[in-house]
Amino acid sequence: MAAISGTTSNYSVATAGGLREDLEDVIWDLFAEENWALQNLDRTDSNQTYHEWLLDSLVAATANRQIEGDDASYATVVAPTRVGNNMQISRKTFLVSGSLEASKLAGRKKESARQLMKQMRELKNEMEYAIVRNQSSTAGGTGTARSSAGMESWLSTNAVKTATTSSASTAGFASGTVAAPVDGTTNVAMIIDHLNSALQGAWSAGGDASVILTSASAKQTYLDTFTGIATRFVDVGRTQQASIVGAASVYVSSFGTHKIVLHRHVRTTIVLCIDPSYWSIAFLRRPFKERLAKTGDAEKHMILTEFGLVSRNEAASAKVVSIL
């Protein structure tokens, strides 16, 4: 039935201009961010743009049998190895006009506060990206930014290839820098033997790779489908609904218990087996926020940090590469 002629309604020209907007006073954020390393690794201080540390290890055990009454001979004890990484500058900036800052806004009291929160989270996300990826270390120059080598680039000792024909290689630290790993031309499916081989390598060197960092595709395709002794059900009470377990969160191997962590920034062709105690993040300048010089009717803001990844001994961790 049609409305009676002359009815005043929301569609009337006379009233439409006076209707108030119905806008929720909230901003629904959907941030695909990641900060496992920033939350779980130790933090140290750096005094230079190139941060160094020393590594040492034991010689392989042998049968140590000596003759009674024999005069001692003296072996040369191997000196510690000196390694380092560059401190990388990362920053975020934003600019807010005086008019916008004075305006009444939906979902926030001040636009500068919203942008500060968002830019800080973006900065942390980008730091995490640099920490776990295959970035090389570079000293930079007058026109080139310094870069800090990531976890994947450090892991050269225990790099297990899924394909023996793969040309993948990781040079690791040499002559003061860490080169980016070279990806293989052949990728194949990962099997449980590949993962166990990587974990064994870390354990043999003295590490405890208690955390497995993996992409969503590698976890769903491989880690969640490995068969084992554990049954895939959860005990519940009679009045509770049953739960179906379709994913793995912990892997128990011959070399320890390993927490499986889904990570957005780990590459899909890589699985990282990490001993967190052998990694830290060094800061020449910890994250800080400051206002820049005002040149007009707007406020300039900058968030900045200078950091680098410290690999206390990369042999304590491992990786599986060339995953299909």
Protein backbone atom coordinates (compact mmCIF):
# COMPACT_ATOMS: atom_id res chain seq x y z
CA MET A 1 0.00 0.00 0.00
CA ALA A 2 1.43 3.41 -0.96
CA ALA A 3 1.99 6.20 1.56
CA ILE A 4 -0.65 8.92 1.72
CA SER A 5 0.26 11.99 -0.27
CA GLY A 6 1.86 14.69 1.86
CA THR A 7 3.32 12.29 4.46
CA THR A 8 6.50 13.64 6.03
CA SER A 9 9.12 10.89 6.10
CA ASN A 10 12.85 10.21 5.88
CA TYR A 11 12.54 10.53 2.13
CA SER A 12 11.01 14.01 2.25
CA VAL A 13 13.13 16.82 0.87
CA ALA A 14 12.07 19.00 3.79
CA THR A 15 13.41 16.61 6.44
CA ALA A 16 16.28 14.84 4.69
CA GLY A 17 18.64 17.77 5.18
CA GLY A 18 18.06 17.73 8.94
CA LEU A 19 18.67 14.04 9.61
CA ARG A 20 21.62 13.32 11.88
CA GLU A 21 24.15 10.76 10.73
CA ASP A 22 24.25 7.37 12.47
CA LEU A 23 27.99 6.66 12.71
CA GLU A 24 29.37 4.22 15.28
CA ASP A 25 31.90 5.82 17.63
CA VAL A 26 34.48 3.09 17.11
CA ILE A 27 37.05 2.07 14.51
CA TRP A 28 37.09 -1.67 13.84
CA ASP A 29 40.76 -2.48 13.31
CA LEU A 30 41.88 -5.55 11.38
CA PHE A 31 45.66 -5.66 11.68
CA ALA A 32 47.56 -8.61 10.18
CA GLU A 33 50.56 -8.06 12.44
CA GLU A 34 53.21 -10.31 13.92
CA ASN A 35 55.62 -9.79 16.83
CA TRP A 36 56.70 -13.19 18.17
CA ALA A 37 60.41 -12.30 18.06
CA LEU A 38 59.89 -8.87 19.62
CA GLN A 39 57.90 -10.44 22.45
CA ASN A 40 60.08 -13.49 23.15
CA LEU A 41 63.72 -12.69 22.37
CA ASP A 42 66.14 -11.05 24.80
CA ARG A 43 67.03 -7.40 24.35
CA THR A 44 70.53 -6.00 24.57
CA ASP A 45 72.15 -2.61 24.07
CA SER A 46 74.52 -1.64 21.28
CA ASN A 47 77.08 1.18 21.30
CA GLN A 48 77.89 1.27 17.59
CA THR A 49 76.16 0.92 14.23
CA TYR A 50 78.00 -2.41 13.84
CA HIS A 51 77.34 -4.66 16.84
CA GLU A 52 79.73 -7.57 17.53
CA TRP A 53 79.88 -10.57 19.85
CA LEU A 54 81.99 -13.69 20.38
CA LEU A 55 81.13 -17.35 19.76
CA ASP A 56 82.81 -20.45 21.11
CA SER A 57 82.22 -24.20 21.04
CA LEU A 58 83.80 -27.44 22.22
CA VAL A 59 85.94 -29.66 20.03
CA ALA A 60 84.43 -33.01 19.15
CA ALA A 61 84.82 -35.61 21.90
CA THR A 62 87.48 -38.29 21.36
CA ALA A 63 88.99 -41.13 23.41
CA ASN A 64 91.22 -39.32 25.92
CA ARG A 65 93.69 -41.93 27.20
CA GLN A 66 97.08 -40.99 28.65
CA ILE A 67 100.20 -42.96 29.61
CA GLU A 68 101.04 -43.09 33.29
CA GLY A 69 103.98 -40.84 34.12
CA ASP A 70 103.99 -39.26 30.67
CA ASP A 71 105.07 -35.62 30.33
CA ALA A 72 102.19 -33.41 29.23
CA SER A 73 101.94 -31.83 25.79
CA TYR A 74 99.90 -28.73 25.23
CA ALA A 75 97.29 -28.17 22.56
CA THR A 76 96.43 -24.76 21.18
CA VAL A 77 92.98 -23.84 22.40
CA VAL A 78 90.91 -22.38 19.57
CA ALA A 79 90.06 -18.71 20.11
CA PRO A 80 86.46 -17.50 20.09
CA THR A 81 84.99 -16.46 16.75
CA ARG A 82 84.06 -12.82 16.33
CA VAL A 83 80.84 -12.07 14.44
CA GLY A 84 78.53 -9.08 14.08
CA ASN A 85 75.50 -7.49 12.50
CA ASN A 86 74.60 -4.01 11.33
CA MET A 87 72.13 -1.79 13.14
CA GLN A 88 69.16 -0.97 10.93
CA ILE A 89 67.22 2.29 11.19
CA SER A 90 63.46 1.92 10.86
CA ARG A 91 61.00 4.75 11.22
CA LYS A 92 57.41 5.87 10.65
CA THR A 93 56.21 9.44 10.20
CA PHE A 94 52.84 11.15 10.12
CA LEU A 95 51.48 14.68 9.82
CA VAL A 96 48.22 15.98 11.29
CA SER A 97 46.77 19.39 10.48
CA GLY A 98 45.72 21.75 13.26
CA SER A 99 42.15 21.80 11.99
CA LEU A 100 41.78 18.03 12.05
CA GLU A 101 43.29 17.83 15.53
CA ALA A 102 40.73 20.37 16.76
CA SER A 103 37.77 18.61 15.11
CA LYS A 104 35.39 16.21 16.82
CA LEU A 105 36.01 12.77 15.34
CA ALA A 106 34.35 9.36 15.43
CA GLY A 107 36.19 6.47 17.03
CA ARG A 108 38.99 8.53 18.60
CA LYS A 109 39.45 11.72 20.55
CA LYS A 110 42.56 12.88 18.69
CA GLU A 111 43.74 11.94 15.21
CA SER A 112 47.38 12.16 16.32
CA ALA A 113 46.75 9.51 19.00
CA ARG A 114 45.17 7.15 16.45
CA GLN A 115 48.01 7.58 13.98
CA LEU A 116 50.63 7.15 16.73
CA MET A 117 49.09 3.83 17.76
CA LYS A 118 48.76 2.60 14.17
CA GLN A 119 52.24 3.66 13.07
CA MET A 120 53.85 2.11 16.15
CA ARG A 121 52.18 -1.21 15.40
CA GLU A 122 53.24 -0.99 11.78
CA LEU A 123 56.83 -0.30 12.87
CA LYS A 124 56.86 -3.36 15.15
CA ASN A 125 55.41 -5.45 12.34
CA GLU A 126 58.15 -4.31 9.95
CA MET A 127 60.85 -4.97 12.54
CA GLU A 128 59.53 -8.51 12.97
CA TYR A 129 59.59 -8.95 9.20
CA ALA A 130 63.28 -7.99 9.07
CA ILE A 131 64.15 -10.27 12.00
CA VAL A 132 62.79 -13.56 10.63
CA ARG A 133 63.29 -13.13 6.88
CA ASN A 134 66.14 -13.72 4.43
CA GLN A 135 67.54 -10.19 4.59
CA SER A 136 71.32 -9.74 4.30
CA SER A 137 73.43 -7.42 6.42
CA THR A 138 74.85 -4.32 4.75
CA ALA A 139 76.96 -1.47 6.09
CA GLY A 140 75.15 1.06 3.95
CA GLY A 141 76.58 4.38 2.85
CA THR A 142 75.72 8.02 2.28
CA GLY A 143 72.92 7.04 -0.09
CA THR A 144 72.15 3.50 1.10
CA ALA A 145 70.43 2.37 4.29
CA ARG A 146 72.06 -0.15 6.62
CA SER A 147 70.32 -3.51 6.98
CA SER A 148 70.35 -6.16 9.68
CA ALA A 149 70.62 -9.81 8.65
CA GLY A 150 67.56 -11.90 9.51
CA MET A 151 67.27 -15.33 11.10
CA GLU A 152 66.97 -17.19 7.83
CA SER A 153 70.21 -15.64 6.55
CA TRP A 154 72.17 -16.60 9.70
CA LEU A 155 71.20 -20.30 9.65
CA SER A 156 73.99 -21.90 7.63
CA THR A 157 75.15 -24.87 9.75
CA ASN A 158 71.88 -26.82 9.99
CA ALA A 159 70.12 -26.09 6.70
CA VAL A 160 68.24 -29.22 5.58
CA LYS A 161 67.10 -29.38 1.97
CA THR A 162 63.92 -31.21 1.07
CA ALA A 163 65.38 -31.95 -2.38
CA THR A 164 68.90 -33.26 -2.78
CA THR A 165 68.93 -31.70 -6.26
CA SER A 166 68.13 -28.26 -4.88
CA SER A 167 70.79 -25.63 -5.43
CA ALA A 168 69.79 -23.78 -2.26
CA SER A 169 72.71 -22.51 -0.19
CA THR A 170 73.29 -20.33 2.86
CA ALA A 171 76.72 -18.76 3.26
CA GLY A 172 75.94 -17.22 6.66
CA PHE A 173 78.48 -14.93 8.31
CA ALA A 174 81.77 -14.29 6.47
CA SER A 175 84.19 -11.35 6.39
CA GLY A 176 82.03 -9.14 8.57
CA THR A 177 78.72 -9.57 6.75
CA VAL A 178 75.87 -12.05 6.41
CA ALA A 179 74.79 -12.80 2.86
CA ALA A 180 71.20 -13.51 1.90
CA PRO A 181 70.57 -17.24 1.29
CA VAL A 182 70.23 -18.48 -2.28
CA ASP A 183 66.94 -20.22 -3.01
CA GLY A 184 67.00 -23.59 -4.73
CA THR A 185 65.57 -24.25 -8.17
CA THR A 186 63.91 -27.48 -7.00
CA ASN A 187 61.28 -27.56 -4.26
CA VAL A 188 59.58 -30.74 -3.06
CA ALA A 189 57.16 -31.73 -0.30
CA MET A 190 58.53 -31.78 3.24
CA ILE A 191 58.36 -35.05 5.15
CA ILE A 192 58.84 -35.65 8.85
CA ASP A 193 62.41 -36.88 8.27
CA HIS A 194 63.41 -33.43 7.03
CA LEU A 195 62.12 -31.78 10.20
CA ASN A 196 63.75 -34.39 12.42
CA SER A 197 67.06 -33.96 10.61
CA ALA A 198 66.99 -30.21 11.25
CA LEU A 199 66.12 -30.69 14.93
CA GLN A 200 68.86 -33.30 15.28
CA GLY A 201 71.43 -30.90 13.82
CA ALA A 202 70.54 -28.20 16.36
CA TRP A 203 70.59 -30.72 19.22
CA SER A 204 73.95 -32.18 18.17
CA ALA A 205 75.47 -28.70 18.28
CA GLY A 206 74.16 -28.17 21.82
CA GLY A 207 70.95 -26.30 21.10
CA ASP A 208 67.33 -26.87 22.04
CA ALA A 209 65.15 -25.83 19.10
CA SER A 210 62.03 -25.50 21.23
CA VAL A 211 60.14 -23.29 18.76
CA ILE A 212 59.18 -24.10 15.17
CA LEU A 213 58.24 -21.00 13.17
CA THR A 214 56.18 -21.75 10.08
CA SER A 215 54.00 -20.12 7.47
CA ALA A 216 50.30 -20.91 7.29
CA SER A 217 50.67 -22.98 4.11
CA ALA A 218 53.58 -25.08 5.41
CA LYS A 219 51.81 -25.72 8.71
CA GLN A 220 48.53 -26.74 7.14
CA THR A 221 50.08 -28.81 4.35
CA TYR A 222 52.79 -30.58 6.32
CA LEU A 223 53.01 -30.07 10.10
CA ASP A 224 49.29 -30.56 10.67
CA THR A 225 49.28 -33.79 8.64
CA PHE A 226 52.29 -35.60 10.11
CA THR A 227 51.19 -38.83 11.76
CA GLY A 228 52.43 -39.77 15.19
CA ILE A 229 51.72 -41.60 18.41
CA ALA A 230 49.36 -38.95 19.82
CA THR A 231 45.66 -39.45 19.12
CA ARG A 232 43.68 -36.60 17.62
CA PHE A 233 40.92 -36.14 20.18
CA VAL A 234 40.29 -34.14 23.32
CA ASP A 235 38.66 -35.64 26.40
CA VAL A 236 35.52 -33.74 27.39
CA GLY A 237 32.79 -34.22 29.97
CA ARG A 238 29.45 -35.80 29.19
CA THR A 239 27.70 -32.46 29.02
CA GLN A 240 30.32 -30.82 26.86
CA GLN A 241 30.54 -30.72 23.10
CA ALA A 242 33.25 -32.85 21.50
CA SER A 243 36.25 -31.15 19.93
CA ILE A 244 37.90 -32.27 16.71
CA VAL A 245 41.63 -31.57 16.58
CA GLY A 246 42.71 -30.71 13.05
CA ALA A 247 45.99 -28.95 13.75
CA ALA A 248 49.26 -29.50 15.59
CA SER A 249 50.47 -27.00 18.20
CA VAL A 250 53.26 -29.09 19.78
CA TYR A 251 55.63 -31.56 18.18
CA VAL A 252 57.50 -34.07 20.35
CA SER A 253 60.61 -35.47 18.70
CA SER A 254 63.56 -37.50 19.90
CA PHE A 255 65.30 -34.18 20.48
CA GLY A 256 62.77 -32.46 22.71
CA THR A 257 59.37 -30.81 22.77
CA HIS A 258 58.84 -28.13 20.16
CA LYS A 259 56.11 -25.49 20.14
CA ILE A 260 54.72 -24.86 16.65
CA VAL A 261 54.17 -21.13 16.10
CA LEU A 262 52.24 -19.86 13.09
CA HIS A 263 54.10 -16.81 11.76
CA ARG A 264 52.87 -14.44 9.05
CA HIS A 265 56.32 -13.35 7.90
CA VAL A 266 58.16 -16.68 7.61
CA ARG A 267 58.47 -17.56 3.93
CA THR A 268 56.32 -20.39 2.61
CA THR A 269 59.33 -22.38 1.38
CA ILE A 270 61.05 -22.33 4.80
CA VAL A 271 60.49 -23.78 8.28
CA LEU A 272 62.61 -22.31 11.08
CA CYS A 273 63.58 -24.40 14.13
CA ILE A 274 64.66 -21.87 16.73
CA ASP A 275 66.39 -22.01 20.11
CA PRO A 276 65.19 -18.64 21.50
CA SER A 277 67.97 -18.46 24.10
CA TYR A 278 70.54 -18.07 21.31
CA TRP A 279 68.94 -15.00 19.77
CA SER A 280 68.47 -11.44 20.94
CA ILE A 281 67.66 -8.00 19.57
CA ALA A 282 70.29 -5.28 20.05
CA PHE A 283 69.24 -1.63 20.15
CA LEU A 284 71.45 1.35 19.44
CA ARG A 285 68.29 3.44 19.82
CA ARG A 286 65.18 1.87 21.31
CA PRO A 287 61.85 2.92 19.78
CA PHE A 288 60.96 6.51 20.59
CA LYS A 289 58.56 9.16 19.36
CA GLU A 290 59.31 12.83 18.86
CA ARG A 291 57.76 15.88 17.25
CA LEU A 292 59.68 17.37 14.34
CA ALA A 293 60.16 21.06 13.67
CA LYS A 294 56.87 22.82 13.00
CA THR A 295 56.75 24.64 9.65
CA GLY A 296 53.04 25.30 9.23
CA ASP A 297 49.58 24.64 10.58
CA ALA A 298 50.27 20.97 11.24
CA GLU A 299 52.11 18.76 13.72
CA LYS A 300 54.89 16.51 12.41
CA HIS A 301 55.58 13.26 14.26
CA MET A 302 58.24 10.57 13.89
CA ILE A 303 58.71 7.14 15.50
CA LEU A 304 62.21 5.74 15.08
CA THR A 305 64.39 2.86 16.24
CA GLU A 306 67.84 1.50 15.42
CA PHE A 307 68.19 -2.24 15.96
CA GLY A 308 69.92 -5.42 14.83
CA LEU A 309 69.43 -9.17 15.27
CA VAL A 310 72.03 -10.95 17.41
CA SER A 311 72.66 -14.60 16.57
CA ARG A 312 74.48 -15.83 19.67
CA ASN A 313 75.25 -19.08 17.89
CA GLU A 314 73.32 -20.00 14.76
CA ALA A 315 74.27 -23.70 15.06
CA ALA A 316 71.85 -23.97 18.01
CA SER A 317 68.97 -23.51 15.55
CA ALA A 318 68.12 -24.98 12.17
CA LYS A 319 65.89 -24.65 9.12
CA VAL A 320 64.25 -26.77 6.44
CA VAL A 321 64.49 -25.21 2.97
CA SER A 322 63.22 -25.80 -0.56
CA ILE A 323 59.71 -26.70 0.61
CA LEU A 324 57.12 -27.04 -2.13
